[in-house]
């Protein structure tokens, strides 16, 4: 009796895993179903490895850009920036107006609208900053984030 309950529980858990992996639950034996799940997991691990490699290449490329680059999520919250953008993100006396401009540009861009803002930062030293933001669209055409470029 207990073995039947254990087998039923295992079969139910396996069906949940199959559905989560996008597989149709099968009436095949548990060993065959488990092999399908293992194969799907191996394929996902391979895809994740490729995605991580692509992400690392993009991060390296963004670090090489000669301007500040900031990436936000769909709410305009900063999720990544290169080293050149760090000074503008700091909240010191000269960073605050620039950060406010950056946050505003990212929020507008994350809502789907390209925009640009320019300002003078008194310093010292006195600096001019132009922040340009563009939306990033998902596969369905809706905005999923934004990228801002800071030109000093």
N, C-alpha and C. Protein backbone atom coordinates (compact mmCIF):
# COMPACT_ATOMS: atom_id res chain seq x y z
N UNK A 1 0.82 -1.19 0.00
CA UNK A 1 0.00 0.00 0.00
C UNK A 1 0.87 1.27 0.00
N UNK A 2 1.86 1.30 0.89
CA UNK A 2 2.73 2.46 0.98
C UNK A 2 3.52 2.64 -0.31
N UNK A 3 3.94 1.54 -0.95
CA UNK A 3 4.68 1.62 -2.20
C UNK A 3 3.81 2.20 -3.31
N UNK A 4 2.50 1.84 -3.32
CA UNK A 4 1.58 2.40 -4.31
C UNK A 4 1.44 3.91 -4.14
N UNK A 5 1.33 4.36 -2.90
CA UNK A 5 1.21 5.80 -2.63
C UNK A 5 2.48 6.51 -3.06
N UNK A 6 3.65 5.89 -2.76
CA UNK A 6 4.93 6.49 -3.13
C UNK A 6 5.06 6.58 -4.65
N UNK A 7 4.66 5.52 -5.38
CA UNK A 7 4.71 5.53 -6.84
C UNK A 7 3.78 6.60 -7.41
N UNK A 8 2.59 6.71 -6.83
CA UNK A 8 1.62 7.71 -7.30
C UNK A 8 2.17 9.12 -7.07
N UNK A 9 2.75 9.32 -5.90
CA UNK A 9 3.35 10.63 -5.60
C UNK A 9 4.49 10.95 -6.54
N UNK A 10 5.32 9.96 -6.84
CA UNK A 10 6.43 10.16 -7.76
C UNK A 10 5.90 10.48 -9.16
N UNK A 11 4.89 9.77 -9.58
CA UNK A 11 4.30 10.01 -10.91
C UNK A 11 3.70 11.41 -10.99
N UNK A 12 3.06 11.86 -9.93
CA UNK A 12 2.48 13.20 -9.91
C UNK A 12 3.57 14.27 -9.95
N UNK A 13 4.62 14.06 -9.18
CA UNK A 13 5.74 15.01 -9.19
C UNK A 13 6.41 15.06 -10.56
N UNK A 14 6.52 13.90 -11.19
CA UNK A 14 7.11 13.82 -12.51
C UNK A 14 6.23 14.56 -13.53
N UNK A 15 4.91 14.43 -13.40
CA UNK A 15 3.99 15.14 -14.30
C UNK A 15 4.14 16.66 -14.13
N UNK A 16 4.32 17.11 -12.89
CA UNK A 16 4.53 18.54 -12.64
C UNK A 16 5.82 19.01 -13.32
N UNK A 17 6.89 18.23 -13.16
CA UNK A 17 8.16 18.57 -13.81
C UNK A 17 8.02 18.60 -15.33
N UNK A 18 7.31 17.62 -15.87
CA UNK A 18 7.12 17.59 -17.32
C UNK A 18 6.41 18.86 -17.80
N UNK A 19 5.36 19.25 -17.12
CA UNK A 19 4.61 20.46 -17.50
C UNK A 19 5.49 21.70 -17.38
N UNK A 20 6.26 21.80 -16.29
CA UNK A 20 7.14 22.96 -16.08
C UNK A 20 8.21 23.06 -17.17
N UNK A 21 8.59 21.93 -17.72
CA UNK A 21 9.60 21.91 -18.78
C UNK A 21 8.98 22.01 -20.17
N UNK A 22 7.67 22.16 -20.23
CA UNK A 22 7.00 22.28 -21.52
C UNK A 22 6.78 20.96 -22.21
N UNK A 23 6.86 19.87 -21.48
CA UNK A 23 6.63 18.54 -22.04
C UNK A 23 5.20 18.11 -21.72
N UNK A 24 4.61 17.34 -22.63
CA UNK A 24 3.30 16.77 -22.35
C UNK A 24 3.49 15.60 -21.38
N UNK A 25 2.75 15.60 -20.26
CA UNK A 25 2.84 14.45 -19.37
C UNK A 25 2.51 13.17 -20.14
N UNK A 26 3.25 12.14 -19.85
CA UNK A 26 3.16 10.91 -20.62
C UNK A 26 2.66 9.77 -19.75
N UNK A 27 2.09 8.78 -20.41
CA UNK A 27 1.65 7.57 -19.71
C UNK A 27 2.74 6.51 -19.73
N UNK A 28 3.89 6.85 -20.27
CA UNK A 28 5.00 5.90 -20.35
C UNK A 28 5.50 5.55 -18.95
N UNK A 29 6.36 4.55 -18.90
CA UNK A 29 6.93 4.14 -17.62
C UNK A 29 7.75 5.29 -17.04
N UNK A 30 7.89 5.27 -15.73
CA UNK A 30 8.59 6.33 -15.01
C UNK A 30 10.01 6.51 -15.55
N UNK A 31 10.72 5.42 -15.82
CA UNK A 31 12.10 5.51 -16.30
C UNK A 31 12.16 6.26 -17.63
N UNK A 32 11.21 6.00 -18.53
CA UNK A 32 11.18 6.68 -19.83
C UNK A 32 10.85 8.17 -19.64
N UNK A 33 9.91 8.44 -18.76
CA UNK A 33 9.53 9.83 -18.49
C UNK A 33 10.69 10.59 -17.86
N UNK A 34 11.38 9.93 -16.95
CA UNK A 34 12.53 10.55 -16.30
C UNK A 34 13.62 10.85 -17.32
N UNK A 35 13.83 9.98 -18.27
CA UNK A 35 14.83 10.20 -19.32
C UNK A 35 14.45 11.44 -20.16
N UNK A 36 13.16 11.61 -20.46
CA UNK A 36 12.70 12.80 -21.20
C UNK A 36 12.96 14.07 -20.39
N UNK A 37 12.68 14.01 -19.10
CA UNK A 37 12.92 15.17 -18.23
C UNK A 37 14.41 15.48 -18.17
N UNK A 38 15.23 14.47 -18.01
CA UNK A 38 16.68 14.68 -17.96
C UNK A 38 17.18 15.30 -19.26
N UNK A 39 16.67 14.85 -20.40
CA UNK A 39 17.06 15.40 -21.69
C UNK A 39 16.64 16.86 -21.80
N UNK A 40 15.44 17.19 -21.35
CA UNK A 40 14.97 18.58 -21.39
C UNK A 40 15.81 19.47 -20.48
N UNK A 41 16.17 18.96 -19.31
CA UNK A 41 17.01 19.73 -18.39
C UNK A 41 18.40 19.96 -19.01
N UNK A 42 18.96 18.95 -19.65
CA UNK A 42 20.27 19.09 -20.30
C UNK A 42 20.21 20.15 -21.40
N UNK A 43 19.12 20.16 -22.18
CA UNK A 43 18.97 21.17 -23.23
C UNK A 43 18.86 22.56 -22.62
N UNK A 44 18.13 22.71 -21.53
CA UNK A 44 18.01 24.01 -20.85
C UNK A 44 19.35 24.46 -20.28
N UNK A 45 20.12 23.53 -19.74
CA UNK A 45 21.44 23.87 -19.22
C UNK A 45 22.35 24.37 -20.34
N UNK A 46 22.26 23.75 -21.50
CA UNK A 46 23.05 24.16 -22.64
C UNK A 46 22.64 25.57 -23.10
N UNK A 47 21.33 25.82 -23.18
CA UNK A 47 20.84 27.14 -23.55
C UNK A 47 21.27 28.19 -22.53
N UNK A 48 21.22 27.85 -21.25
CA UNK A 48 21.63 28.78 -20.20
C UNK A 48 23.12 29.10 -20.32
N UNK A 49 23.91 28.11 -20.63
CA UNK A 49 25.35 28.32 -20.79
C UNK A 49 25.63 29.28 -21.95
N UNK A 50 24.92 29.10 -23.06
CA UNK A 50 25.08 30.01 -24.21
C UNK A 50 24.65 31.41 -23.82
N UNK A 51 23.51 31.53 -23.12
CA UNK A 51 23.01 32.85 -22.71
C UNK A 51 24.00 33.54 -21.77
N UNK A 52 24.60 32.81 -20.86
CA UNK A 52 25.58 33.40 -19.95
C UNK A 52 26.79 33.89 -20.73
N UNK A 53 27.25 33.12 -21.70
CA UNK A 53 28.36 33.55 -22.54
C UNK A 53 28.03 34.81 -23.32
N UNK A 54 26.81 34.88 -23.85
CA UNK A 54 26.39 36.08 -24.58
C UNK A 54 26.29 37.28 -23.65
N UNK A 55 25.75 37.06 -22.45
CA UNK A 55 25.65 38.16 -21.48
C UNK A 55 27.05 38.67 -21.12
N UNK A 56 27.98 37.77 -20.88
CA UNK A 56 29.34 38.18 -20.53
C UNK A 56 29.98 38.99 -21.66
N UNK A 57 29.73 38.60 -22.91
CA UNK A 57 30.27 39.33 -24.05
C UNK A 57 29.65 40.73 -24.13
N UNK A 58 28.34 40.84 -23.87
CA UNK A 58 27.68 42.15 -23.88
C UNK A 58 28.20 43.04 -22.77
N UNK A 59 28.39 42.49 -21.59
CA UNK A 59 28.92 43.26 -20.47
C UNK A 59 30.30 43.79 -20.83
N UNK A 60 31.14 42.96 -21.40
CA UNK A 60 32.48 43.39 -21.80
C UNK A 60 32.40 44.47 -22.86
N UNK A 61 31.51 44.32 -23.82
CA UNK A 61 31.36 45.33 -24.88
C UNK A 61 30.90 46.66 -24.30
N UNK A 62 29.96 46.63 -23.37
CA UNK A 62 29.46 47.87 -22.76
C UNK A 62 30.57 48.55 -21.96
N UNK A 63 31.43 47.78 -21.33
CA UNK A 63 32.55 48.37 -20.59
C UNK A 63 33.52 49.09 -21.54
N UNK A 64 33.60 48.67 -22.79
CA UNK A 64 34.53 49.26 -23.75
C UNK A 64 33.99 50.54 -24.39
N UNK A 65 32.70 50.82 -24.24
CA UNK A 65 32.11 52.02 -24.81
C UNK A 65 32.71 53.25 -24.13
N UNK A 66 33.01 54.28 -24.90
CA UNK A 66 33.69 55.45 -24.35
C UNK A 66 32.74 56.46 -23.70
N UNK A 67 31.50 56.12 -23.52
CA UNK A 67 30.52 56.96 -22.82
C UNK A 67 29.93 56.14 -21.68
N UNK A 68 29.26 56.84 -20.77
CA UNK A 68 28.56 56.12 -19.72
C UNK A 68 27.35 55.42 -20.30
N UNK A 69 27.13 54.17 -19.93
CA UNK A 69 25.98 53.40 -20.39
C UNK A 69 25.27 52.84 -19.17
N UNK A 70 23.95 53.03 -19.12
CA UNK A 70 23.14 52.54 -18.01
C UNK A 70 21.96 51.77 -18.59
N UNK A 71 21.69 50.60 -18.02
CA UNK A 71 20.58 49.76 -18.46
C UNK A 71 19.59 49.67 -17.30
N UNK A 72 18.30 49.80 -17.63
CA UNK A 72 17.27 49.70 -16.58
C UNK A 72 16.27 48.60 -16.91
N UNK A 73 15.50 48.24 -15.89
CA UNK A 73 14.40 47.31 -16.10
C UNK A 73 13.19 48.08 -16.62
N UNK A 74 12.05 47.44 -16.70
CA UNK A 74 10.84 48.06 -17.21
C UNK A 74 10.27 49.15 -16.34
N UNK A 75 10.78 49.31 -15.14
CA UNK A 75 10.32 50.36 -14.23
C UNK A 75 11.31 51.53 -14.16
N UNK A 76 12.38 51.44 -14.94
CA UNK A 76 13.39 52.49 -14.93
C UNK A 76 14.42 52.34 -13.83
N UNK A 77 14.42 51.20 -13.14
CA UNK A 77 15.40 50.94 -12.09
C UNK A 77 16.70 50.42 -12.71
N UNK A 78 17.82 51.00 -12.30
CA UNK A 78 19.12 50.62 -12.86
C UNK A 78 19.43 49.18 -12.51
N UNK A 79 19.75 48.39 -13.55
CA UNK A 79 20.13 47.00 -13.33
C UNK A 79 21.58 46.74 -13.75
N UNK A 80 22.15 47.67 -14.55
CA UNK A 80 23.54 47.53 -14.95
C UNK A 80 24.05 48.88 -15.42
N UNK A 81 25.33 49.12 -15.21
CA UNK A 81 25.98 50.31 -15.76
C UNK A 81 27.46 50.02 -15.93
N UNK A 82 28.07 50.71 -16.88
CA UNK A 82 29.51 50.54 -17.04
C UNK A 82 30.24 51.48 -16.08
N UNK A 83 31.55 51.34 -16.03
CA UNK A 83 32.35 52.12 -15.08
C UNK A 83 32.26 53.62 -15.33
N UNK A 84 32.16 54.03 -16.60
CA UNK A 84 32.11 55.46 -16.91
C UNK A 84 30.82 56.11 -16.40
N UNK A 85 29.79 55.34 -16.19
CA UNK A 85 28.53 55.89 -15.68
C UNK A 85 28.54 56.02 -14.16
N UNK A 86 29.48 55.38 -13.49
CA UNK A 86 29.48 55.35 -12.02
C UNK A 86 29.51 56.74 -11.39
N UNK A 87 30.35 57.63 -11.89
CA UNK A 87 30.42 58.98 -11.32
C UNK A 87 29.06 59.67 -11.34
N UNK A 88 28.31 59.45 -12.40
CA UNK A 88 27.00 60.12 -12.53
C UNK A 88 25.95 59.45 -11.66
N UNK A 89 26.20 58.24 -11.25
CA UNK A 89 25.24 57.54 -10.39
C UNK A 89 25.48 57.82 -8.91
N UNK A 90 26.70 58.25 -8.58
CA UNK A 90 27.00 58.56 -7.19
C UNK A 90 26.13 59.72 -6.72
N UNK A 91 25.91 59.81 -5.42
CA UNK A 91 25.00 60.82 -4.88
C UNK A 91 25.72 61.96 -4.19
N UNK A 92 26.92 62.27 -4.64
CA UNK A 92 27.64 63.42 -4.10
C UNK A 92 27.03 64.71 -4.60
N UNK A 93 27.61 65.86 -4.21
CA UNK A 93 27.04 67.16 -4.58
C UNK A 93 26.91 67.37 -6.09
N UNK A 94 27.86 66.83 -6.88
CA UNK A 94 27.75 67.02 -8.32
C UNK A 94 27.01 65.87 -8.99
N UNK A 95 26.77 64.80 -8.26
CA UNK A 95 26.09 63.65 -8.87
C UNK A 95 24.59 63.71 -8.79
N UNK A 96 24.03 64.45 -7.86
CA UNK A 96 22.60 64.44 -7.63
C UNK A 96 21.77 64.95 -8.81
N UNK A 97 22.03 66.14 -9.37
CA UNK A 97 21.23 66.58 -10.52
C UNK A 97 21.38 65.64 -11.71
N UNK A 98 22.58 65.14 -11.92
CA UNK A 98 22.81 64.22 -13.02
C UNK A 98 22.05 62.92 -12.79
N UNK A 99 22.07 62.43 -11.58
CA UNK A 99 21.34 61.19 -11.27
C UNK A 99 19.84 61.39 -11.47
N UNK A 100 19.33 62.54 -11.03
CA UNK A 100 17.90 62.82 -11.22
C UNK A 100 17.55 62.86 -12.70
N UNK A 101 18.40 63.49 -13.50
CA UNK A 101 18.16 63.53 -14.95
C UNK A 101 18.21 62.13 -15.54
N UNK A 102 19.18 61.34 -15.11
CA UNK A 102 19.31 59.97 -15.60
C UNK A 102 18.09 59.14 -15.24
N UNK A 103 17.65 59.22 -13.99
CA UNK A 103 16.48 58.45 -13.55
C UNK A 103 15.26 58.84 -14.36
N UNK A 104 15.08 60.15 -14.58
CA UNK A 104 13.94 60.62 -15.36
C UNK A 104 13.99 60.09 -16.79
N UNK A 105 15.14 60.19 -17.42
CA UNK A 105 15.30 59.71 -18.80
C UNK A 105 15.03 58.22 -18.88
N UNK A 106 15.54 57.45 -17.93
CA UNK A 106 15.32 55.99 -17.93
C UNK A 106 13.85 55.66 -17.75
N UNK A 107 13.16 56.35 -16.86
CA UNK A 107 11.74 56.07 -16.64
C UNK A 107 10.91 56.37 -17.88
N UNK A 108 11.19 57.49 -18.54
CA UNK A 108 10.47 57.83 -19.77
C UNK A 108 10.76 56.79 -20.85
N UNK A 109 12.03 56.43 -21.00
CA UNK A 109 12.41 55.43 -22.01
C UNK A 109 11.81 54.07 -21.70
N UNK A 110 11.80 53.68 -20.41
CA UNK A 110 11.23 52.38 -20.03
C UNK A 110 9.73 52.33 -20.30
N UNK A 111 9.10 53.50 -20.37
CA UNK A 111 7.67 53.57 -20.71
C UNK A 111 7.45 53.52 -22.22
N UNK A 112 8.56 53.49 -22.99
CA UNK A 112 8.44 53.33 -24.44
C UNK A 112 8.74 54.55 -25.27
N UNK A 113 9.26 55.61 -24.65
CA UNK A 113 9.51 56.85 -25.40
C UNK A 113 10.99 57.24 -25.34
N UNK A 114 11.57 57.41 -26.52
CA UNK A 114 12.95 57.90 -26.61
C UNK A 114 12.97 59.34 -26.13
N UNK A 115 14.02 59.74 -25.41
CA UNK A 115 14.11 61.11 -24.91
C UNK A 115 15.54 61.48 -24.60
N UNK A 116 15.78 62.79 -24.52
CA UNK A 116 17.12 63.32 -24.24
C UNK A 116 16.99 64.49 -23.29
N UNK A 117 17.94 64.59 -22.40
CA UNK A 117 17.99 65.72 -21.47
C UNK A 117 19.42 66.21 -21.35
N UNK A 118 19.60 67.52 -21.35
CA UNK A 118 20.93 68.12 -21.20
C UNK A 118 20.94 68.99 -19.96
N UNK A 119 22.08 69.04 -19.29
CA UNK A 119 22.20 69.90 -18.12
C UNK A 119 23.65 70.29 -17.90
N UNK A 120 23.82 71.37 -17.18
CA UNK A 120 25.15 71.84 -16.78
C UNK A 120 25.34 71.45 -15.32
N UNK A 121 26.45 70.83 -15.02
CA UNK A 121 26.79 70.46 -13.65
C UNK A 121 27.89 71.42 -13.22
N UNK A 122 27.63 72.17 -12.17
CA UNK A 122 28.52 73.26 -11.78
C UNK A 122 29.89 72.80 -11.30
N UNK A 123 29.98 71.66 -10.69
CA UNK A 123 31.28 71.14 -10.31
C UNK A 123 31.83 71.73 -9.03
N UNK A 124 33.13 71.84 -8.86
CA UNK A 124 34.14 71.83 -9.90
C UNK A 124 34.47 70.42 -10.35
N UNK A 125 34.92 70.24 -11.53
CA UNK A 125 34.90 71.21 -12.61
C UNK A 125 33.50 71.31 -13.21
N UNK A 126 33.24 72.39 -13.89
CA UNK A 126 31.96 72.58 -14.57
C UNK A 126 31.91 71.58 -15.73
N UNK A 127 30.76 70.91 -15.85
CA UNK A 127 30.63 69.88 -16.88
C UNK A 127 29.26 69.99 -17.55
N UNK A 128 29.21 69.61 -18.80
CA UNK A 128 27.94 69.52 -19.52
C UNK A 128 27.63 68.04 -19.69
N UNK A 129 26.38 67.70 -19.48
CA UNK A 129 25.96 66.30 -19.58
C UNK A 129 24.73 66.21 -20.46
N UNK A 130 24.76 65.28 -21.40
CA UNK A 130 23.58 64.95 -22.20
C UNK A 130 23.26 63.49 -21.93
N UNK A 131 22.01 63.26 -21.53
CA UNK A 131 21.54 61.90 -21.24
C UNK A 131 20.50 61.55 -22.28
N UNK A 132 20.76 60.50 -23.05
CA UNK A 132 19.83 60.05 -24.08
C UNK A 132 19.33 58.66 -23.72
N UNK A 133 18.02 58.49 -23.72
CA UNK A 133 17.44 57.20 -23.37
C UNK A 133 16.60 56.63 -24.49
N UNK A 134 16.72 55.33 -24.68
CA UNK A 134 15.90 54.63 -25.67
C UNK A 134 15.27 53.42 -25.01
N UNK A 135 14.03 53.11 -25.40
CA UNK A 135 13.38 51.93 -24.84
C UNK A 135 13.94 50.64 -25.42
N UNK A 136 13.84 49.59 -24.66
CA UNK A 136 14.16 48.24 -25.12
C UNK A 136 12.83 47.49 -25.16
N UNK A 137 12.51 46.92 -26.32
CA UNK A 137 11.22 46.25 -26.49
C UNK A 137 11.38 44.74 -26.45
N UNK A 138 10.40 44.08 -25.86
CA UNK A 138 10.38 42.63 -25.81
C UNK A 138 9.83 42.05 -27.10
N UNK A 139 9.79 40.73 -27.17
CA UNK A 139 9.32 40.03 -28.36
C UNK A 139 7.89 40.41 -28.73
N UNK A 140 7.08 40.75 -27.73
CA UNK A 140 5.69 41.11 -28.00
C UNK A 140 5.51 42.59 -28.35
N UNK A 141 6.62 43.34 -28.42
CA UNK A 141 6.56 44.75 -28.79
C UNK A 141 6.35 45.71 -27.64
N UNK A 142 6.22 45.20 -26.43
CA UNK A 142 6.04 46.09 -25.28
C UNK A 142 7.40 46.42 -24.67
N UNK A 143 7.52 47.63 -24.07
CA UNK A 143 8.81 48.00 -23.47
C UNK A 143 9.13 47.13 -22.26
N UNK A 144 10.38 46.66 -22.20
CA UNK A 144 10.82 45.81 -21.09
C UNK A 144 11.98 46.44 -20.32
N UNK A 145 12.44 47.59 -20.79
CA UNK A 145 13.56 48.25 -20.13
C UNK A 145 14.01 49.42 -20.96
N UNK A 146 15.19 49.93 -20.62
CA UNK A 146 15.74 51.09 -21.33
C UNK A 146 17.24 51.09 -21.25
N UNK A 147 17.84 51.82 -22.18
CA UNK A 147 19.28 52.05 -22.18
C UNK A 147 19.49 53.55 -22.27
N UNK A 148 20.35 54.07 -21.41
CA UNK A 148 20.71 55.49 -21.45
C UNK A 148 22.20 55.62 -21.71
N UNK A 149 22.54 56.61 -22.51
CA UNK A 149 23.94 56.93 -22.78
C UNK A 149 24.20 58.33 -22.21
N UNK A 150 25.27 58.43 -21.44
CA UNK A 150 25.64 59.70 -20.82
C UNK A 150 26.86 60.26 -21.53
N UNK A 151 26.69 61.41 -22.16
CA UNK A 151 27.79 62.06 -22.87
C UNK A 151 28.23 63.26 -22.06
N UNK A 152 29.50 63.26 -21.69
CA UNK A 152 30.06 64.32 -20.85
C UNK A 152 30.87 65.26 -21.72
